[in-house]
Amino acid sequence: MRHVIAVVLLFGLALPATAQELRAQLNAVGLKSAYDDWLVAQSTTGTLGMGTRLGDGRWVTLRESESDAVQMGELASVSKSVTAACALQLVEGGQLEWSTRLPALLGTAPDVTIGELITHTSGLGPDSTQATMPSWLGRTTDSATHFSDHVLNAVNARDSQQGTRGAYLYNNENYALLGLAIEATSASTYWETCKAELDLSDDISPSPRAGAFQPWGGLQAHPDAYVSFLETHFGPNSIIGLDPFALPHVEIAEGVYYGLGMVFRRFGDSYNFWHFGALCFPEQMNAGSYAVLWEGEVGALALYDACVDWPAMGALDGALTRAVYP
């Protein structure tokens, strides 16, 4: 999906701190209003986390008012950004390499690399998780990779793969196997490893309902905590935010790329990162999410209790982007 762009940047202007803070609060009202209108149009409820960088470099959490009620929500596929950032930490620490081949870690496994898994270019497919995830709701163990083992077995059982190695094919299996690789590389479970590597608080954690598929779609978060995570690991001072082209990535549309669990594009002298998530299980669970970081200056996480279609996702992207770039 092509990300909406406009030409006027509200944040990052050379304004005194007090003016920056005022502009930030005005923008928070605009984002919240745009999101509330979208929720009404979708006949659902949700919550919005927001953050911005002020003129003195501080990253602050925004809220229309201190009394705004917020709660933990399902990240769904936005969980992939956490898994990818975790893998990056292991690569930076010398425990993994992007060229590490999966059989070296897991034994019987497809001969693909960590870099291919993280960019959905492994050629694996079809996505076996789509049929099995509903039956895993509410089922958790100390190790989410117990369920990823089922995915590995499904992948190993195929005579051939649906995708083409080197070509982008979005498939939850890639991140299920990435979770197995993370656990095989460490002395702890997938989540214990990633929580420690990323220094996460309990405000980002395995979901009680979807935790069986933590590595690819089973994390929950307080929206403010995730927005802070986004700034820390995808902001302009992060390894990813400094130059996502120096890390595994693949072009998925003209000028649009998939990198470490996020879609991104170059914008001005920086980058925009974004990703949607959806847990659509009729009569069982319907939840969605949208994470976005505009130029490392303004970030948002929208959480909602609905399963929406692509036009509605595009409308949300457009509404929030226009609130930042009116």
C-alpha atoms as a PDB file:
ATOM      1  CA  MET A   1       0.000   0.000   0.000  1.00  0.00           C
ATOM      2  CA  ARG A   2       1.429   3.387  -1.008  1.00  0.00           C
ATOM      3  CA  HIS A   3       1.775   5.601   2.039  1.00  0.00           C
ATOM      4  CA  VAL A   4       0.014   8.972   1.965  1.00  0.00           C
ATOM      5  CA  ILE A   5       2.392  11.937   1.786  1.00  0.00           C
ATOM      6  CA  ALA A   6       1.871  15.681   2.097  1.00  0.00           C
ATOM      7  CA  VAL A   7       4.282  18.582   2.076  1.00  0.00           C
ATOM      8  CA  VAL A   8       3.979  20.530   5.334  1.00  0.00           C
ATOM      9  CA  LEU A   9       5.803  19.184   8.402  1.00  0.00           C
ATOM     10  CA  LEU A  10       4.417  20.409  11.720  1.00  0.00           C
ATOM     11  CA  PHE A  11       7.049  18.885  13.988  1.00  0.00           C
ATOM     12  CA  GLY A  12      10.749  19.635  13.800  1.00  0.00           C
ATOM     13  CA  LEU A  13      10.322  23.357  13.129  1.00  0.00           C
ATOM     14  CA  ALA A  14      12.828  25.667  14.772  1.00  0.00           C
ATOM     15  CA  LEU A  15      10.453  26.831  17.498  1.00  0.00           C
ATOM     16  CA  PRO A  16      11.066  27.515  21.208  1.00  0.00           C
ATOM     17  CA  ALA A  17      10.318  24.559  23.478  1.00  0.00           C
ATOM     18  CA  THR A  18       7.072  26.074  24.727  1.00  0.00           C
ATOM     19  CA  ALA A  19       5.842  26.626  21.182  1.00  0.00           C
ATOM     20  CA  GLN A  20       6.896  23.093  20.252  1.00  0.00           C
ATOM     21  CA  GLU A  21       4.930  21.717  23.177  1.00  0.00           C
ATOM     22  CA  LEU A  22       1.875  23.750  22.211  1.00  0.00           C
ATOM     23  CA  ARG A  23       2.120  22.561  18.622  1.00  0.00           C
ATOM     24  CA  ALA A  24       2.475  18.985  19.851  1.00  0.00           C
ATOM     25  CA  GLN A  25      -0.680  19.243  21.938  1.00  0.00           C
ATOM     26  CA  LEU A  26      -2.611  20.802  19.069  1.00  0.00           C
ATOM     27  CA  ASN A  27      -1.461  17.963  16.834  1.00  0.00           C
ATOM     28  CA  ALA A  28      -2.506  15.404  19.458  1.00  0.00           C
ATOM     29  CA  VAL A  29      -6.008  16.852  19.367  1.00  0.00           C
ATOM     30  CA  GLY A  30      -5.992  16.588  15.570  1.00  0.00           C
ATOM     31  CA  LEU A  31      -4.822  12.972  15.585  1.00  0.00           C
ATOM     32  CA  LYS A  32      -7.335  11.995  18.236  1.00  0.00           C
ATOM     33  CA  SER A  33     -10.178  13.729  16.395  1.00  0.00           C
ATOM     34  CA  ALA A  34      -9.277  12.053  13.101  1.00  0.00           C
ATOM     35  CA  TYR A  35      -9.125   8.672  14.810  1.00  0.00           C
ATOM     36  CA  ASP A  36     -12.423   9.169  16.636  1.00  0.00           C
ATOM     37  CA  ASP A  37     -14.123  10.015  13.336  1.00  0.00           C
ATOM     38  CA  TRP A  38     -12.689   6.865  11.759  1.00  0.00           C
ATOM     39  CA  LEU A  39     -13.883   4.729  14.679  1.00  0.00           C
ATOM     40  CA  VAL A  40     -17.405   6.108  14.279  1.00  0.00           C
ATOM     41  CA  ALA A  41     -17.324   5.323  10.555  1.00  0.00           C
ATOM     42  CA  GLN A  42     -16.294   1.747  11.354  1.00  0.00           C
ATOM     43  CA  SER A  43     -18.849   1.385  14.190  1.00  0.00           C
ATOM     44  CA  THR A  44     -16.174   0.254  16.601  1.00  0.00           C
ATOM     45  CA  THR A  45     -14.125   1.418  19.570  1.00  0.00           C
ATOM     46  CA  GLY A  46     -10.406   1.848  20.081  1.00  0.00           C
ATOM     47  CA  THR A  47      -7.557   3.761  21.655  1.00  0.00           C
ATOM     48  CA  LEU A  48      -4.688   5.797  20.239  1.00  0.00           C
ATOM     49  CA  GLY A  49      -1.119   6.200  21.468  1.00  0.00           C
ATOM     50  CA  MET A  50       0.872   9.173  20.181  1.00  0.00           C
ATOM     51  CA  GLY A  51       4.340  10.636  20.581  1.00  0.00           C
ATOM     52  CA  THR A  52       6.474  13.403  19.098  1.00  0.00           C
ATOM     53  CA  ARG A  53       9.999  14.787  19.135  1.00  0.00           C
ATOM     54  CA  LEU A  54      10.296  18.344  20.428  1.00  0.00           C
ATOM     55  CA  GLY A  55      12.782  20.946  19.268  1.00  0.00           C
ATOM     56  CA  ASP A  56      15.252  20.064  22.013  1.00  0.00           C
ATOM     57  CA  GLY A  57      15.296  16.421  20.879  1.00  0.00           C
ATOM     58  CA  ARG A  58      13.072  15.067  23.651  1.00  0.00           C
ATOM     59  CA  TRP A  59      10.559  12.372  22.695  1.00  0.00           C
ATOM     60  CA  VAL A  60       7.321  12.880  24.593  1.00  0.00           C
ATOM     61  CA  THR A  61       4.090  10.921  24.807  1.00  0.00           C
ATOM     62  CA  LEU A  62       1.071  12.908  23.673  1.00  0.00           C
ATOM     63  CA  ARG A  63      -2.444  12.670  24.976  1.00  0.00           C
ATOM     64  CA  GLU A  64      -5.386  14.931  24.326  1.00  0.00           C
ATOM     65  CA  SER A  65      -5.950  15.054  28.080  1.00  0.00           C
ATOM     66  CA  GLU A  66      -4.399  13.353  31.083  1.00  0.00           C
ATOM     67  CA  SER A  67      -7.709  11.646  31.784  1.00  0.00           C
ATOM     68  CA  ASP A  68      -7.816   9.821  28.445  1.00  0.00           C
ATOM     69  CA  ALA A  69      -8.464   6.150  29.193  1.00  0.00           C
ATOM     70  CA  VAL A  70      -5.968   3.750  27.640  1.00  0.00           C
ATOM     71  CA  GLN A  71      -5.499   0.020  27.947  1.00  0.00           C
ATOM     72  CA  MET A  72      -3.485  -2.874  26.553  1.00  0.00           C
ATOM     73  CA  GLY A  73      -4.485  -3.881  23.045  1.00  0.00           C
ATOM     74  CA  GLU A  74      -3.637  -6.541  20.481  1.00  0.00           C
ATOM     75  CA  LEU A  75      -0.687  -5.681  18.242  1.00  0.00           C
ATOM     76  CA  ALA A  76      -1.532  -8.510  15.826  1.00  0.00           C
ATOM     77  CA  SER A  77       0.980  -8.438  12.950  1.00  0.00           C
ATOM     78  CA  VAL A  78       2.572  -5.274  14.329  1.00  0.00           C
ATOM     79  CA  SER A  79       4.183  -7.811  16.703  1.00  0.00           C
ATOM     80  CA  LYS A  80       6.575  -8.589  13.837  1.00  0.00           C
ATOM     81  CA  SER A  81       8.376  -5.286  14.411  1.00  0.00           C
ATOM     82  CA  VAL A  82       9.246  -6.436  17.944  1.00  0.00           C
ATOM     83  CA  THR A  83      10.502  -9.819  16.700  1.00  0.00           C
ATOM     84  CA  ALA A  84      12.568  -8.147  13.979  1.00  0.00           C
ATOM     85  CA  ALA A  85      14.106  -5.627  16.388  1.00  0.00           C
ATOM     86  CA  CYS A  86      14.945  -8.532  18.698  1.00  0.00           C
ATOM     87  CA  ALA A  87      16.685 -10.401  15.867  1.00  0.00           C
ATOM     88  CA  LEU A  88      18.632  -7.236  15.023  1.00  0.00           C
ATOM     89  CA  GLN A  89      19.890  -7.058  18.618  1.00  0.00           C
ATOM     90  CA  LEU A  90      21.141 -10.643  18.342  1.00  0.00           C
ATOM     91  CA  VAL A  91      22.874  -9.841  15.059  1.00  0.00           C
ATOM     92  CA  GLU A  92      24.482  -6.758  16.567  1.00  0.00           C
ATOM     93  CA  GLY A  93      25.606  -8.886  19.521  1.00  0.00           C
ATOM     94  CA  GLY A  94      27.219 -11.458  17.242  1.00  0.00           C
ATOM     95  CA  GLN A  95      24.823 -14.280  18.157  1.00  0.00           C
ATOM     96  CA  LEU A  96      23.204 -14.367  14.712  1.00  0.00           C
ATOM     97  CA  GLU A  97      24.036 -13.261  11.192  1.00  0.00           C
ATOM     98  CA  TRP A  98      21.586 -12.328   8.465  1.00  0.00           C
ATOM     99  CA  SER A  99      23.214 -15.060   6.381  1.00  0.00           C
ATOM    100  CA  THR A 100      22.731 -17.722   9.088  1.00  0.00           C
ATOM    101  CA  ARG A 101      20.914 -20.668   7.521  1.00  0.00           C
ATOM    102  CA  LEU A 102      17.993 -22.155   9.390  1.00  0.00           C
ATOM    103  CA  PRO A 103      19.189 -25.813   9.341  1.00  0.00           C
ATOM    104  CA  ALA A 104      22.287 -24.735  11.276  1.00  0.00           C
ATOM    105  CA  LEU A 105      19.999 -23.694  14.124  1.00  0.00           C
ATOM    106  CA  LEU A 106      17.026 -26.055  13.883  1.00  0.00           C
ATOM    107  CA  GLY A 107      18.297 -29.158  12.150  1.00  0.00           C
ATOM    108  CA  THR A 108      15.564 -30.326   9.785  1.00  0.00           C
ATOM    109  CA  ALA A 109      14.307 -27.046   8.355  1.00  0.00           C
ATOM    110  CA  PRO A 110      14.062 -25.248   5.006  1.00  0.00           C
ATOM    111  CA  ASP A 111      17.428 -24.021   3.774  1.00  0.00           C
ATOM    112  CA  VAL A 112      16.669 -20.312   4.084  1.00  0.00           C
ATOM    113  CA  THR A 113      18.462 -17.493   5.879  1.00  0.00           C
ATOM    114  CA  ILE A 114      17.508 -15.244   8.769  1.00  0.00           C
ATOM    115  CA  GLY A 115      17.576 -12.285   6.381  1.00  0.00           C
ATOM    116  CA  GLU A 116      15.124 -14.021   4.044  1.00  0.00           C
ATOM    117  CA  LEU A 117      12.737 -14.822   6.891  1.00  0.00           C
ATOM    118  CA  ILE A 118      12.754 -11.250   8.159  1.00  0.00           C
ATOM    119  CA  THR A 119      11.902  -9.849   4.692  1.00  0.00           C
ATOM    120  CA  HIS A 120       9.387 -12.543   3.649  1.00  0.00           C
ATOM    121  CA  THR A 121      11.637 -13.529   0.732  1.00  0.00           C
ATOM    122  CA  SER A 122      12.222 -17.149   1.795  1.00  0.00           C
ATOM    123  CA  GLY A 123       9.793 -18.521  -0.795  1.00  0.00           C
ATOM    124  CA  LEU A 124       7.823 -20.353   1.903  1.00  0.00           C
ATOM    125  CA  GLY A 125       4.103 -20.794   1.326  1.00  0.00           C
ATOM    126  CA  PRO A 126       1.195 -21.179   1.504  1.00  0.00           C
ATOM    127  CA  ASP A 127       0.633 -19.694   4.950  1.00  0.00           C
ATOM    128  CA  SER A 128      -0.368 -22.632   7.143  1.00  0.00           C
ATOM    129  CA  THR A 129      -0.992 -20.375  10.164  1.00  0.00           C
ATOM    130  CA  GLN A 130      -4.178 -18.937   8.691  1.00  0.00           C
ATOM    131  CA  ALA A 131      -6.018 -22.212   9.177  1.00  0.00           C
ATOM    132  CA  THR A 132      -4.575 -23.097  12.577  1.00  0.00           C
ATOM    133  CA  MET A 133      -4.532 -19.782  14.460  1.00  0.00           C
ATOM    134  CA  PRO A 134      -8.243 -19.794  15.433  1.00  0.00           C
ATOM    135  CA  SER A 135      -7.822 -23.118  17.238  1.00  0.00           C
ATOM    136  CA  TRP A 136      -4.826 -21.724  19.167  1.00  0.00           C
ATOM    137  CA  LEU A 137      -6.679 -18.756  20.674  1.00  0.00           C
ATOM    138  CA  GLY A 138      -6.351 -18.739  24.440  1.00  0.00           C
ATOM    139  CA  ARG A 139      -3.705 -21.461  24.377  1.00  0.00           C
ATOM    140  CA  THR A 140      -0.327 -20.428  25.725  1.00  0.00           C
ATOM    141  CA  THR A 141       2.736 -22.177  27.078  1.00  0.00           C
ATOM    142  CA  ASP A 142       5.956 -20.900  28.603  1.00  0.00           C
ATOM    143  CA  SER A 143       7.431 -21.109  25.120  1.00  0.00           C
ATOM    144  CA  ALA A 144       5.437 -19.743  22.184  1.00  0.00           C
ATOM    145  CA  THR A 145       7.774 -21.715  19.954  1.00  0.00           C
ATOM    146  CA  HIS A 146       5.770 -24.811  20.927  1.00  0.00           C
ATOM    147  CA  PHE A 147       3.257 -23.541  18.377  1.00  0.00           C
ATOM    148  CA  SER A 148       5.955 -22.426  15.963  1.00  0.00           C
ATOM    149  CA  ASP A 149       7.114 -26.056  15.976  1.00  0.00           C
ATOM    150  CA  HIS A 150       3.764 -26.933  14.429  1.00  0.00           C
ATOM    151  CA  VAL A 151       4.474 -24.375  11.706  1.00  0.00           C
ATOM    152  CA  LEU A 152       7.924 -25.857  11.098  1.00  0.00           C
ATOM    153  CA  ASN A 153       6.403 -29.314  10.767  1.00  0.00           C
ATOM    154  CA  ALA A 154       3.880 -28.006   8.242  1.00  0.00           C
ATOM    155  CA  VAL A 155       6.639 -26.348   6.219  1.00  0.00           C
ATOM    156  CA  ASN A 156       8.821 -29.476   6.301  1.00  0.00           C
ATOM    157  CA  ALA A 157       5.909 -31.663   5.183  1.00  0.00           C
ATOM    158  CA  ARG A 158       5.423 -29.821   1.875  1.00  0.00           C
ATOM    159  CA  ASP A 159       6.751 -31.335  -1.322  1.00  0.00           C
ATOM    160  CA  SER A 160       7.318 -27.835  -2.700  1.00  0.00           C
ATOM    161  CA  GLN A 161       6.876 -24.227  -1.659  1.00  0.00           C
ATOM    162  CA  GLN A 162       4.373 -21.839  -3.170  1.00  0.00           C
ATOM    163  CA  GLY A 163       6.651 -18.813  -3.226  1.00  0.00           C
ATOM    164  CA  THR A 164       9.802 -17.963  -5.145  1.00  0.00           C
ATOM    165  CA  ARG A 165      12.946 -17.575  -3.097  1.00  0.00           C
ATOM    166  CA  GLY A 166      14.144 -13.994  -3.262  1.00  0.00           C
ATOM    167  CA  ALA A 167      10.681 -12.629  -4.079  1.00  0.00           C
ATOM    168  CA  TYR A 168       8.423 -10.993  -1.492  1.00  0.00           C
ATOM    169  CA  LEU A 169       5.517 -13.130  -0.266  1.00  0.00           C
ATOM    170  CA  TYR A 170       4.053 -12.066   3.074  1.00  0.00           C
ATOM    171  CA  ASN A 171       3.681 -15.183   5.200  1.00  0.00           C
ATOM    172  CA  ASN A 172       3.391 -15.540   8.992  1.00  0.00           C
ATOM    173  CA  GLU A 173       5.459 -18.728   8.737  1.00  0.00           C
ATOM    174  CA  ASN A 174       8.579 -16.615   8.211  1.00  0.00           C
ATOM    175  CA  TYR A 175       8.250 -14.991  11.614  1.00  0.00           C
ATOM    176  CA  ALA A 176       7.176 -18.215  13.309  1.00  0.00           C
ATOM    177  CA  LEU A 177      10.468 -19.739  12.168  1.00  0.00           C
ATOM    178  CA  LEU A 178      12.300 -16.554  13.118  1.00  0.00           C
ATOM    179  CA  GLY A 179      10.934 -17.020  16.638  1.00  0.00           C
ATOM    180  CA  LEU A 180      12.349 -20.549  16.667  1.00  0.00           C
ATOM    181  CA  ALA A 181      15.715 -19.220  15.486  1.00  0.00           C
ATOM    182  CA  ILE A 182      15.761 -16.605  18.248  1.00  0.00           C
ATOM    183  CA  GLU A 183      15.030 -19.239  20.872  1.00  0.00           C
ATOM    184  CA  ALA A 184      17.613 -21.651  19.434  1.00  0.00           C
ATOM    185  CA  THR A 185      20.220 -18.895  19.610  1.00  0.00           C
ATOM    186  CA  SER A 186      19.596 -18.041  23.246  1.00  0.00           C
ATOM    187  CA  ALA A 187      19.318 -19.905  26.528  1.00  0.00           C
ATOM    188  CA  SER A 188      15.777 -18.607  27.135  1.00  0.00           C
ATOM    189  CA  THR A 189      12.361 -18.605  25.523  1.00  0.00           C
ATOM    190  CA  TYR A 190      11.553 -16.353  22.600  1.00  0.00           C
ATOM    191  CA  TRP A 191       9.804 -13.812  24.814  1.00  0.00           C
ATOM    192  CA  GLU A 192      12.306 -13.842  27.668  1.00  0.00           C
ATOM    193  CA  THR A 193      15.064 -13.272  25.121  1.00  0.00           C
ATOM    194  CA  CYS A 194      13.313 -10.433  23.304  1.00  0.00           C
ATOM    195  CA  LYS A 195      12.125  -8.734  26.490  1.00  0.00           C
ATOM    196  CA  ALA A 196      15.700  -8.677  27.772  1.00  0.00           C
ATOM    197  CA  GLU A 197      17.334  -7.738  24.453  1.00  0.00           C
ATOM    198  CA  LEU A 198      14.916  -4.845  23.899  1.00  0.00           C
ATOM    199  CA  ASP A 199      14.637  -3.846  27.576  1.00  0.00           C
ATOM    200  CA  LEU A 200      10.837  -4.008  27.428  1.00  0.00           C
ATOM    201  CA  SER A 201       8.512  -3.358  30.340  1.00  0.00           C
ATOM    202  CA  ASP A 202       5.387  -5.402  31.034  1.00  0.00           C
ATOM    203  CA  ASP A 203       3.465  -2.818  28.994  1.00  0.00           C
ATOM    204  CA  ILE A 204       4.481  -4.893  25.964  1.00  0.00           C
ATOM    205  CA  SER A 205       3.868  -8.585  26.583  1.00  0.00           C
ATOM    206  CA  PRO A 206       2.365 -11.829  25.225  1.00  0.00           C
ATOM    207  CA  SER A 207      -1.382 -11.586  24.720  1.00  0.00           C
ATOM    208  CA  PRO A 208      -3.596 -13.792  26.930  1.00  0.00           C
ATOM    209  CA  ARG A 209      -5.757 -14.549  23.898  1.00  0.00           C
ATOM    210  CA  ALA A 210      -3.289 -14.622  20.993  1.00  0.00           C
ATOM    211  CA  GLY A 211      -0.058 -15.436  22.826  1.00  0.00           C
ATOM    212  CA  ALA A 212       0.351 -18.772  21.081  1.00  0.00           C
ATOM    213  CA  PHE A 213       1.594 -16.874  18.046  1.00  0.00           C
ATOM    214  CA  GLN A 214       3.798 -14.313  19.781  1.00  0.00           C
ATOM    215  CA  PRO A 215       6.579 -14.026  17.164  1.00  0.00           C
ATOM    216  CA  TRP A 216       4.260 -13.141  14.300  1.00  0.00           C
ATOM    217  CA  GLY A 217       1.045 -11.760  15.810  1.00  0.00           C
ATOM    218  CA  GLY A 218       0.531 -12.567  19.475  1.00  0.00           C
ATOM    219  CA  LEU A 219       1.810  -9.601  21.452  1.00  0.00           C
ATOM    220  CA  GLN A 220      -0.209  -6.944  23.237  1.00  0.00           C
ATOM    221  CA  ALA A 221       0.852  -3.448  24.249  1.00  0.00           C
ATOM    222  CA  HIS A 222      -0.127  -0.310  26.055  1.00  0.00           C
ATOM    223  CA  PRO A 223      -0.205   2.156  23.135  1.00  0.00           C
ATOM    224  CA  ASP A 224       2.180   4.632  24.756  1.00  0.00           C
ATOM    225  CA  ALA A 225       4.712   1.872  25.447  1.00  0.00           C
ATOM    226  CA  TYR A 226       4.651   0.713  21.839  1.00  0.00           C
ATOM    227  CA  VAL A 227       5.021   4.263  20.486  1.00  0.00           C
ATOM    228  CA  SER A 228       8.106   4.640  22.696  1.00  0.00           C
ATOM    229  CA  PHE A 229       9.418   1.299  21.372  1.00  0.00           C
ATOM    230  CA  LEU A 230       8.844   2.544  17.827  1.00  0.00           C
ATOM    231  CA  GLU A 231      10.831   5.718  18.458  1.00  0.00           C
ATOM    232  CA  THR A 232      13.647   3.820  20.170  1.00  0.00           C
ATOM    233  CA  HIS A 233      14.107   1.134  17.509  1.00  0.00           C
ATOM    234  CA  PHE A 234      12.902   2.857  14.319  1.00  0.00           C
ATOM    235  CA  GLY A 235      13.560   6.508  15.159  1.00  0.00           C
ATOM    236  CA  PRO A 236      16.295   8.625  13.539  1.00  0.00           C
ATOM    237  CA  ASN A 237      18.929   7.698  16.129  1.00  0.00           C
ATOM    238  CA  SER A 238      18.334   3.944  15.862  1.00  0.00           C
ATOM    239  CA  ILE A 239      20.203   1.444  13.706  1.00  0.00           C
ATOM    240  CA  ILE A 240      17.091   0.902  11.598  1.00  0.00           C
ATOM    241  CA  GLY A 241      16.080   4.546  11.366  1.00  0.00           C
ATOM    242  CA  LEU A 242      19.541   5.754  10.388  1.00  0.00           C
ATOM    243  CA  ASP A 243      19.597   3.630   7.231  1.00  0.00           C
ATOM    244  CA  PRO A 244      17.052   0.808   6.707  1.00  0.00           C
ATOM    245  CA  PHE A 245      18.670   0.147   3.317  1.00  0.00           C
ATOM    246  CA  ALA A 246      21.791  -1.088   5.125  1.00  0.00           C
ATOM    247  CA  LEU A 247      19.703  -3.911   6.615  1.00  0.00           C
ATOM    248  CA  PRO A 248      17.696  -6.714   4.987  1.00  0.00           C
ATOM    249  CA  HIS A 249      14.892  -5.216   2.889  1.00  0.00           C
ATOM    250  CA  VAL A 250      12.934  -5.858  -0.284  1.00  0.00           C
ATOM    251  CA  GLU A 251      11.026  -3.533  -2.612  1.00  0.00           C
ATOM    252  CA  ILE A 252       7.313  -4.414  -2.623  1.00  0.00           C
ATOM    253  CA  ALA A 253       6.059  -1.517  -4.751  1.00  0.00           C
ATOM    254  CA  GLU A 254       7.702   1.425  -6.464  1.00  0.00           C
ATOM    255  CA  GLY A 255       9.633   3.230  -3.736  1.00  0.00           C
ATOM    256  CA  VAL A 256       8.016   1.147  -0.981  1.00  0.00           C
ATOM    257  CA  TYR A 257      10.002  -1.476   0.942  1.00  0.00           C
ATOM    258  CA  TYR A 258       9.541  -4.135   3.597  1.00  0.00           C
ATOM    259  CA  GLY A 259      12.338  -4.243   6.136  1.00  0.00           C
ATOM    260  CA  LEU A 260      12.541  -5.338   9.746  1.00  0.00           C
ATOM    261  CA  GLY A 261       8.899  -6.090  10.449  1.00  0.00           C
ATOM    262  CA  MET A 262       7.746  -2.764   8.969  1.00  0.00           C
ATOM    263  CA  VAL A 263       6.935  -1.254   5.599  1.00  0.00           C
ATOM    264  CA  PHE A 264       8.944   1.881   4.861  1.00  0.00           C
ATOM    265  CA  ARG A 265       9.653   4.524   2.281  1.00  0.00           C
ATOM    266  CA  ARG A 266      12.097   7.369   1.987  1.00  0.00           C
ATOM    267  CA  PHE A 267      10.546  10.773   2.734  1.00  0.00           C
ATOM    268  CA  GLY A 268      12.690  13.892   2.566  1.00  0.00           C
ATOM    269  CA  ASP A 269      15.906  13.266   4.463  1.00  0.00           C
ATOM    270  CA  SER A 270      14.311  10.552   6.594  1.00  0.00           C
ATOM    271  CA  TYR A 271      11.848   7.641   6.373  1.00  0.00           C
ATOM    272  CA  ASN A 272       8.265   6.792   7.145  1.00  0.00           C
ATOM    273  CA  PHE A 273       7.633   3.363   8.738  1.00  0.00           C
ATOM    274  CA  TRP A 274       4.223   1.718   9.068  1.00  0.00           C
ATOM    275  CA  HIS A 275       2.380  -1.608   9.414  1.00  0.00           C
ATOM    276  CA  PHE A 276      -1.165  -2.871   9.892  1.00  0.00           C
ATOM    277  CA  GLY A 277      -2.183  -5.861  11.973  1.00  0.00           C
ATOM    278  CA  ALA A 278      -5.396  -7.883  11.991  1.00  0.00           C
ATOM    279  CA  LEU A 279      -6.730 -10.800  13.998  1.00  0.00           C
ATOM    280  CA  CYS A 280      -9.919 -11.678  12.136  1.00  0.00           C
ATOM    281  CA  PHE A 281     -11.595 -14.782  13.521  1.00  0.00           C
ATOM    282  CA  PRO A 282     -15.392 -14.574  13.068  1.00  0.00           C
ATOM    283  CA  GLU A 283     -17.373 -15.124  16.270  1.00  0.00           C
ATOM    284  CA  GLN A 284     -14.103 -15.603  18.177  1.00  0.00           C
ATOM    285  CA  MET A 285     -11.925 -12.510  17.977  1.00  0.00           C
ATOM    286  CA  ASN A 286     -11.771  -9.351  15.875  1.00  0.00           C
ATOM    287  CA  ALA A 287      -8.984  -6.886  16.594  1.00  0.00           C
ATOM    288  CA  GLY A 288      -6.772  -4.611  14.562  1.00  0.00           C
ATOM    289  CA  SER A 289      -3.823  -2.251  14.861  1.00  0.00           C
ATOM    290  CA  TYR A 290      -1.947   0.361  12.886  1.00  0.00           C
ATOM    291  CA  ALA A 291       1.544   1.573  13.797  1.00  0.00           C
ATOM    292  CA  VAL A 292       3.224   4.479  12.022  1.00  0.00           C
ATOM    293  CA  LEU A 293       6.289   6.682  12.497  1.00  0.00           C
ATOM    294  CA  TRP A 294       6.504   9.762  10.298  1.00  0.00           C
ATOM    295  CA  GLU A 295      10.122  10.854   9.675  1.00  0.00           C
ATOM    296  CA  GLY A 296      11.134   9.843  13.172  1.00  0.00           C
ATOM    297  CA  GLU A 297       9.276  12.911  14.442  1.00  0.00           C
ATOM    298  CA  VAL A 298       5.675  11.821  15.078  1.00  0.00           C
ATOM    299  CA  GLY A 299       4.483   8.323  15.927  1.00  0.00           C
ATOM    300  CA  ALA A 300       1.136   6.666  16.566  1.00  0.00           C
ATOM    301  CA  LEU A 301      -0.366   3.309  17.419  1.00  0.00           C
ATOM    302  CA  ALA A 302      -4.076   2.867  16.740  1.00  0.00           C
ATOM    303  CA  LEU A 303      -5.760  -0.127  18.377  1.00  0.00           C
ATOM    304  CA  TYR A 304      -9.339  -1.077  17.511  1.00  0.00           C
ATOM    305  CA  ASP A 305     -11.868  -3.822  18.164  1.00  0.00           C
ATOM    306  CA  ALA A 306     -12.851  -4.704  14.633  1.00  0.00           C
ATOM    307  CA  CYS A 307     -11.829  -6.598  11.529  1.00  0.00           C
ATOM    308  CA  VAL A 308     -11.655  -3.989   8.779  1.00  0.00           C
ATOM    309  CA  ASP A 309     -10.993  -4.277   5.046  1.00  0.00           C
ATOM    310  CA  TRP A 310      -8.216  -2.707   2.992  1.00  0.00           C
ATOM    311  CA  PRO A 311     -10.231   0.404   2.002  1.00  0.00           C
ATOM    312  CA  ALA A 312     -10.917   1.093   5.700  1.00  0.00           C
ATOM    313  CA  MET A 313      -7.222   0.620   6.500  1.00  0.00           C
ATOM    314  CA  GLY A 314      -6.347   3.075   3.752  1.00  0.00           C
ATOM    315  CA  ALA A 315      -8.873   5.541   5.144  1.00  0.00           C
ATOM    316  CA  LEU A 316      -7.244   5.306   8.587  1.00  0.00           C
ATOM    317  CA  ASP A 317      -3.782   5.824   7.138  1.00  0.00           C
ATOM    318  CA  GLY A 318      -5.001   8.844   5.203  1.00  0.00           C
ATOM    319  CA  ALA A 319      -6.901  10.397   8.104  1.00  0.00           C
ATOM    320  CA  LEU A 320      -3.986  10.189  10.541  1.00  0.00           C
ATOM    321  CA  THR A 321      -1.450  11.331   7.978  1.00  0.00           C
ATOM    322  CA  ARG A 322      -3.524  14.387   7.070  1.00  0.00           C
ATOM    323  CA  ALA A 323      -3.678  15.273  10.771  1.00  0.00           C
ATOM    324  CA  VAL A 324       0.131  15.404  10.817  1.00  0.00           C
ATOM    325  CA  TYR A 325       0.534  16.935   7.337  1.00  0.00           C
ATOM    326  CA  PRO A 326      -2.605  19.101   6.865  1.00  0.00           C
END
